């Protein structure tokens, strides 16, 4: 029963994130040093920076233990 509840929760989170990504698909421009820039959809940029933050947090959490 708990496995079914976990799958329902996963599907609900996926649907919410998919709707968010479809509503925030306008392109943004990220500017770097030396006049370099890249154009990405807003949802992709948020996903990249969220993943980088999670990875950095995991690295620091493992080093502190």
PDB file of N, CA and C in Angstrom:
ATOM      1  N   UNK A   1       0.819  -1.201   0.000  1.00  0.00           N
ATOM      2  CA  UNK A   1       0.000   0.000   0.000  1.00  0.00           C
ATOM      3  C   UNK A   1       0.865   1.268   0.000  1.00  0.00           C
ATOM      4  N   UNK A   2       1.947   1.234   0.779  1.00  0.00           N
ATOM      5  CA  UNK A   2       2.803   2.418   0.813  1.00  0.00           C
ATOM      6  C   UNK A   2       3.521   2.619  -0.522  1.00  0.00           C
ATOM      7  N   UNK A   3       3.780   1.523  -1.231  1.00  0.00           N
ATOM      8  CA  UNK A   3       4.404   1.629  -2.543  1.00  0.00           C
ATOM      9  C   UNK A   3       3.468   2.352  -3.516  1.00  0.00           C
ATOM     10  N   UNK A   4       2.187   2.064  -3.438  1.00  0.00           N
ATOM     11  CA  UNK A   4       1.197   2.724  -4.288  1.00  0.00           C
ATOM     12  C   UNK A   4       1.120   4.212  -3.964  1.00  0.00           C
ATOM     13  N   UNK A   5       1.130   4.549  -2.700  1.00  0.00           N
ATOM     14  CA  UNK A   5       1.090   5.958  -2.292  1.00  0.00           C
ATOM     15  C   UNK A   5       2.339   6.686  -2.766  1.00  0.00           C
ATOM     16  N   UNK A   6       3.489   6.038  -2.688  1.00  0.00           N
ATOM     17  CA  UNK A   6       4.731   6.650  -3.160  1.00  0.00           C
ATOM     18  C   UNK A   6       4.666   6.911  -4.656  1.00  0.00           C
ATOM     19  N   UNK A   7       4.131   5.979  -5.437  1.00  0.00           N
ATOM     20  CA  UNK A   7       4.025   6.179  -6.877  1.00  0.00           C
ATOM     21  C   UNK A   7       3.040   7.280  -7.218  1.00  0.00           C
ATOM     22  N   UNK A   8       1.935   7.352  -6.500  1.00  0.00           N
ATOM     23  CA  UNK A   8       0.968   8.435  -6.733  1.00  0.00           C
ATOM     24  C   UNK A   8       1.610   9.782  -6.437  1.00  0.00           C
ATOM     25  N   UNK A   9       2.391   9.859  -5.369  1.00  0.00           N
ATOM     26  CA  UNK A   9       3.087  11.098  -5.027  1.00  0.00           C
ATOM     27  C   UNK A   9       4.101  11.466  -6.111  1.00  0.00           C
ATOM     28  N   UNK A  10       4.849  10.488  -6.604  1.00  0.00           N
ATOM     29  CA  UNK A  10       5.831  10.746  -7.651  1.00  0.00           C
ATOM     30  C   UNK A  10       5.169  11.262  -8.924  1.00  0.00           C
ATOM     31  N   UNK A  11       4.059  10.647  -9.296  1.00  0.00           N
ATOM     32  CA  UNK A  11       3.333  11.079 -10.493  1.00  0.00           C
ATOM     33  C   UNK A  11       2.799  12.493 -10.311  1.00  0.00           C
ATOM     34  N   UNK A  12       2.287  12.806  -9.128  1.00  0.00           N
ATOM     35  CA  UNK A  12       1.772  14.146  -8.864  1.00  0.00           C
ATOM     36  C   UNK A  12       2.884  15.188  -8.945  1.00  0.00           C
ATOM     37  N   UNK A  13       4.040  14.883  -8.383  1.00  0.00           N
ATOM     38  CA  UNK A  13       5.170  15.812  -8.448  1.00  0.00           C
ATOM     39  C   UNK A  13       5.612  15.991  -9.898  1.00  0.00           C
ATOM     40  N   UNK A  14       5.665  14.915 -10.658  1.00  0.00           N
ATOM     41  CA  UNK A  14       6.046  15.004 -12.063  1.00  0.00           C
ATOM     42  C   UNK A  14       5.076  15.872 -12.846  1.00  0.00           C
ATOM     43  N   UNK A  15       3.784  15.711 -12.604  1.00  0.00           N
ATOM     44  CA  UNK A  15       2.779  16.510 -13.315  1.00  0.00           C
ATOM     45  C   UNK A  15       2.922  17.984 -12.965  1.00  0.00           C
ATOM     46  N   UNK A  16       3.122  18.286 -11.685  1.00  0.00           N
ATOM     47  CA  UNK A  16       3.289  19.682 -11.268  1.00  0.00           C
ATOM     48  C   UNK A  16       4.521  20.284 -11.927  1.00  0.00           C
ATOM     49  N   UNK A  17       5.628  19.553 -11.944  1.00  0.00           N
ATOM     50  CA  UNK A  17       6.848  20.058 -12.567  1.00  0.00           C
ATOM     51  C   UNK A  17       6.709  20.188 -14.080  1.00  0.00           C
ATOM     52  N   UNK A  18       5.999  19.281 -14.706  1.00  0.00           N
ATOM     53  CA  UNK A  18       5.788  19.371 -16.156  1.00  0.00           C
ATOM     54  C   UNK A  18       4.934  20.582 -16.512  1.00  0.00           C
ATOM     55  N   UNK A  19       3.900  20.849 -15.717  1.00  0.00           N
ATOM     56  CA  UNK A  19       3.071  22.035 -15.954  1.00  0.00           C
ATOM     57  C   UNK A  19       3.891  23.297 -15.731  1.00  0.00           C
ATOM     58  N   UNK A  20       4.707  23.318 -14.685  1.00  0.00           N
ATOM     59  CA  UNK A  20       5.571  24.473 -14.420  1.00  0.00           C
ATOM     60  C   UNK A  20       6.511  24.718 -15.599  1.00  0.00           C
ATOM     61  N   UNK A  21       7.120  23.656 -16.097  1.00  0.00           N
ATOM     62  CA  UNK A  21       8.062  23.789 -17.212  1.00  0.00           C
ATOM     63  C   UNK A  21       7.354  24.283 -18.474  1.00  0.00           C
ATOM     64  N   UNK A  22       6.141  23.830 -18.712  1.00  0.00           N
ATOM     65  CA  UNK A  22       5.436  24.261 -19.924  1.00  0.00           C
ATOM     66  C   UNK A  22       4.990  25.716 -19.824  1.00  0.00           C
ATOM     67  N   UNK A  23       4.691  26.189 -18.632  1.00  0.00           N
ATOM     68  CA  UNK A  23       4.267  27.581 -18.452  1.00  0.00           C
ATOM     69  C   UNK A  23       5.442  28.545 -18.433  1.00  0.00           C
ATOM     70  N   UNK A  24       6.641  28.067 -18.148  1.00  0.00           N
ATOM     71  CA  UNK A  24       7.822  28.917 -18.052  1.00  0.00           C
ATOM     72  C   UNK A  24       8.847  28.531 -19.116  1.00  0.00           C
ATOM     73  N   UNK A  25       8.401  28.507 -20.347  1.00  0.00           N
ATOM     74  CA  UNK A  25       9.301  28.080 -21.422  1.00  0.00           C
ATOM     75  C   UNK A  25       9.900  29.259 -22.184  1.00  0.00           C
ATOM     76  N   UNK A  26       9.634  30.487 -21.758  1.00  0.00           N
ATOM     77  CA  UNK A  26      10.208  31.635 -22.465  1.00  0.00           C
ATOM     78  C   UNK A  26      11.722  31.634 -22.296  1.00  0.00           C
ATOM     79  N   UNK A  27      12.420  32.035 -23.326  1.00  0.00           N
ATOM     80  CA  UNK A  27      13.887  32.003 -23.250  1.00  0.00           C
ATOM     81  C   UNK A  27      14.443  33.139 -22.395  1.00  0.00           C
ATOM     82  N   UNK A  28      15.526  32.834 -21.709  1.00  0.00           N
ATOM     83  CA  UNK A  28      16.270  33.844 -20.957  1.00  0.00           C
ATOM     84  C   UNK A  28      17.715  33.798 -21.445  1.00  0.00           C
ATOM     85  N   UNK A  29      18.418  34.876 -21.248  1.00  0.00           N
ATOM     86  CA  UNK A  29      19.816  34.950 -21.651  1.00  0.00           C
ATOM     87  C   UNK A  29      20.683  35.069 -20.416  1.00  0.00           C
ATOM     88  N   UNK A  30      21.624  34.150 -20.266  1.00  0.00           N
ATOM     89  CA  UNK A  30      22.574  34.197 -19.168  1.00  0.00           C
ATOM     90  C   UNK A  30      23.881  34.763 -19.704  1.00  0.00           C
ATOM     91  N   UNK A  31      24.347  35.854 -19.091  1.00  0.00           N
ATOM     92  CA  UNK A  31      25.562  36.523 -19.531  1.00  0.00           C
ATOM     93  C   UNK A  31      26.727  36.105 -18.639  1.00  0.00           C
ATOM     94  N   UNK A  32      27.848  35.777 -19.249  1.00  0.00           N
ATOM     95  CA  UNK A  32      29.060  35.376 -18.548  1.00  0.00           C
ATOM     96  C   UNK A  32      30.133  36.434 -18.758  1.00  0.00           C
ATOM     97  N   UNK A  33      31.310  36.149 -18.246  1.00  0.00           N
ATOM     98  CA  UNK A  33      32.451  37.034 -18.451  1.00  0.00           C
ATOM     99  C   UNK A  33      32.904  36.991 -19.896  1.00  0.00           C
ATOM    100  N   UNK A  34      33.632  37.986 -20.307  1.00  0.00           N
ATOM    101  CA  UNK A  34      34.202  38.100 -21.654  1.00  0.00           C
ATOM    102  C   UNK A  34      33.119  38.087 -22.735  1.00  0.00           C
ATOM    103  N   UNK A  35      32.000  38.715 -22.442  1.00  0.00           N
ATOM    104  CA  UNK A  35      30.873  38.869 -23.376  1.00  0.00           C
ATOM    105  C   UNK A  35      30.338  37.546 -23.921  1.00  0.00           C
ATOM    106  N   UNK A  36      30.421  36.501 -23.137  1.00  0.00           N
ATOM    107  CA  UNK A  36      29.823  35.230 -23.536  1.00  0.00           C
ATOM    108  C   UNK A  36      28.417  35.162 -22.957  1.00  0.00           C
ATOM    109  N   UNK A  37      27.499  34.555 -23.689  1.00  0.00           N
ATOM    110  CA  UNK A  37      26.139  34.399 -23.207  1.00  0.00           C
ATOM    111  C   UNK A  37      25.538  33.129 -23.792  1.00  0.00           C
ATOM    112  N   UNK A  38      24.505  32.651 -23.133  1.00  0.00           N
ATOM    113  CA  UNK A  38      23.789  31.470 -23.606  1.00  0.00           C
ATOM    114  C   UNK A  38      22.299  31.716 -23.383  1.00  0.00           C
ATOM    115  N   UNK A  39      21.489  31.237 -24.313  1.00  0.00           N
ATOM    116  CA  UNK A  39      20.043  31.407 -24.218  1.00  0.00           C
ATOM    117  C   UNK A  39      19.402  30.053 -23.931  1.00  0.00           C
ATOM    118  N   UNK A  40      18.639  29.995 -22.835  1.00  0.00           N
ATOM    119  CA  UNK A  40      17.982  28.764 -22.388  1.00  0.00           C
ATOM    120  C   UNK A  40      16.543  29.063 -21.989  1.00  0.00           C
ATOM    121  N   UNK A  41      15.673  28.062 -22.019  1.00  0.00           N
ATOM    122  CA  UNK A  41      14.355  28.255 -21.411  1.00  0.00           C
ATOM    123  C   UNK A  41      14.500  28.421 -19.890  1.00  0.00           C
ATOM    124  N   UNK A  42      13.619  29.195 -19.299  1.00  0.00           N
ATOM    125  CA  UNK A  42      13.697  29.467 -17.867  1.00  0.00           C
ATOM    126  C   UNK A  42      13.644  28.187 -17.044  1.00  0.00           C
ATOM    127  N   UNK A  43      12.791  27.241 -17.407  1.00  0.00           N
ATOM    128  CA  UNK A  43      12.669  26.009 -16.634  1.00  0.00           C
ATOM    129  C   UNK A  43      13.958  25.188 -16.672  1.00  0.00           C
ATOM    130  N   UNK A  44      14.663  25.207 -17.792  1.00  0.00           N
ATOM    131  CA  UNK A  44      15.932  24.474 -17.900  1.00  0.00           C
ATOM    132  C   UNK A  44      16.992  25.131 -17.027  1.00  0.00           C
ATOM    133  N   UNK A  45      17.045  26.457 -17.041  1.00  0.00           N
ATOM    134  CA  UNK A  45      18.014  27.169 -16.210  1.00  0.00           C
ATOM    135  C   UNK A  45      17.753  26.898 -14.726  1.00  0.00           C
ATOM    136  N   UNK A  46      16.487  26.912 -14.318  1.00  0.00           N
ATOM    137  CA  UNK A  46      16.160  26.616 -12.921  1.00  0.00           C
ATOM    138  C   UNK A  46      16.546  25.198 -12.552  1.00  0.00           C
ATOM    139  N   UNK A  47      16.311  24.246 -13.439  1.00  0.00           N
ATOM    140  CA  UNK A  47      16.674  22.855 -13.176  1.00  0.00           C
ATOM    141  C   UNK A  47      18.183  22.697 -13.035  1.00  0.00           C
ATOM    142  N   UNK A  48      18.939  23.357 -13.902  1.00  0.00           N
ATOM    143  CA  UNK A  48      20.395  23.261 -13.840  1.00  0.00           C
ATOM    144  C   UNK A  48      20.913  23.824 -12.524  1.00  0.00           C
ATOM    145  N   UNK A  49      20.436  25.015 -12.137  1.00  0.00           N
ATOM    146  CA  UNK A  49      20.942  25.629 -10.916  1.00  0.00           C
ATOM    147  C   UNK A  49      20.458  24.900  -9.663  1.00  0.00           C
ATOM    148  N   UNK A  50      19.262  24.298  -9.706  1.00  0.00           N
ATOM    149  CA  UNK A  50      18.811  23.483  -8.581  1.00  0.00           C
ATOM    150  C   UNK A  50      19.700  22.254  -8.432  1.00  0.00           C
ATOM    151  N   UNK A  51      20.011  21.599  -9.544  1.00  0.00           N
ATOM    152  CA  UNK A  51      20.867  20.407  -9.500  1.00  0.00           C
ATOM    153  C   UNK A  51      22.269  20.758  -9.009  1.00  0.00           C
ATOM    154  N   UNK A  52      22.814  21.878  -9.472  1.00  0.00           N
ATOM    155  CA  UNK A  52      24.139  22.292  -8.998  1.00  0.00           C
ATOM    156  C   UNK A  52      24.129  22.580  -7.504  1.00  0.00           C
ATOM    157  N   UNK A  53      23.081  23.224  -7.024  1.00  0.00           N
ATOM    158  CA  UNK A  53      22.972  23.491  -5.593  1.00  0.00           C
ATOM    159  C   UNK A  53      22.870  22.211  -4.779  1.00  0.00           C
ATOM    160  N   UNK A  54      22.112  21.240  -5.271  1.00  0.00           N
ATOM    161  CA  UNK A  54      21.994  19.970  -4.566  1.00  0.00           C
ATOM    162  C   UNK A  54      23.324  19.227  -4.542  1.00  0.00           C
ATOM    163  N   UNK A  55      24.039  19.238  -5.654  1.00  0.00           N
ATOM    164  CA  UNK A  55      25.338  18.556  -5.716  1.00  0.00           C
ATOM    165  C   UNK A  55      26.341  19.213  -4.781  1.00  0.00           C
ATOM    166  N   UNK A  56      26.396  20.535  -4.782  1.00  0.00           N
ATOM    167  CA  UNK A  56      27.313  21.250  -3.889  1.00  0.00           C
ATOM    168  C   UNK A  56      26.961  20.990  -2.432  1.00  0.00           C
ATOM    169  N   UNK A  57      25.678  20.971  -2.112  1.00  0.00           N
ATOM    170  CA  UNK A  57      25.253  20.683  -0.734  1.00  0.00           C
ATOM    171  C   UNK A  57      25.658  19.280  -0.309  1.00  0.00           C
ATOM    172  N   UNK A  58      25.499  18.302  -1.193  1.00  0.00           N
ATOM    173  CA  UNK A  58      25.888  16.934  -0.872  1.00  0.00           C
ATOM    174  C   UNK A  58      27.397  16.826  -0.654  1.00  0.00           C
ATOM    175  N   UNK A  59      28.166  17.516  -1.478  1.00  0.00           N
ATOM    176  CA  UNK A  59      29.621  17.477  -1.323  1.00  0.00           C
ATOM    177  C   UNK A  59      30.033  18.039   0.021  1.00  0.00           C
ATOM    178  N   UNK A  60      29.478  19.202   0.404  1.00  0.00           N
ATOM    179  CA  UNK A  60      29.839  19.806   1.678  1.00  0.00           C
ATOM    180  C   UNK A  60      29.315  19.005   2.864  1.00  0.00           C
ATOM    181  N   UNK A  61      28.166  18.366   2.715  1.00  0.00           N
ATOM    182  CA  UNK A  61      27.621  17.550   3.797  1.00  0.00           C
ATOM    183  C   UNK A  61      28.497  16.324   4.036  1.00  0.00           C
ATOM    184  N   UNK A  62      29.020  15.735   2.972  1.00  0.00           N
ATOM    185  CA  UNK A  62      29.885  14.566   3.126  1.00  0.00           C
ATOM    186  C   UNK A  62      31.252  14.943   3.698  1.00  0.00           C
ATOM    187  N   UNK A  63      31.754  16.138   3.377  1.00  0.00           N
ATOM    188  CA  UNK A  63      33.068  16.557   3.871  1.00  0.00           C
ATOM    189  C   UNK A  63      33.008  16.915   5.353  1.00  0.00           C
ATOM    190  N   UNK A  64      31.875  17.357   5.846  1.00  0.00           N
ATOM    191  CA  UNK A  64      31.757  17.776   7.240  1.00  0.00           C
ATOM    192  C   UNK A  64      31.596  16.587   8.180  1.00  0.00           C
ATOM    193  N   UNK A  65      31.253  15.429   7.672  1.00  0.00           N
ATOM    194  CA  UNK A  65      31.060  14.258   8.546  1.00  0.00           C
ATOM    195  C   UNK A  65      32.295  13.483   8.688  1.00  0.00           C
TER     196      UNK A  65
END
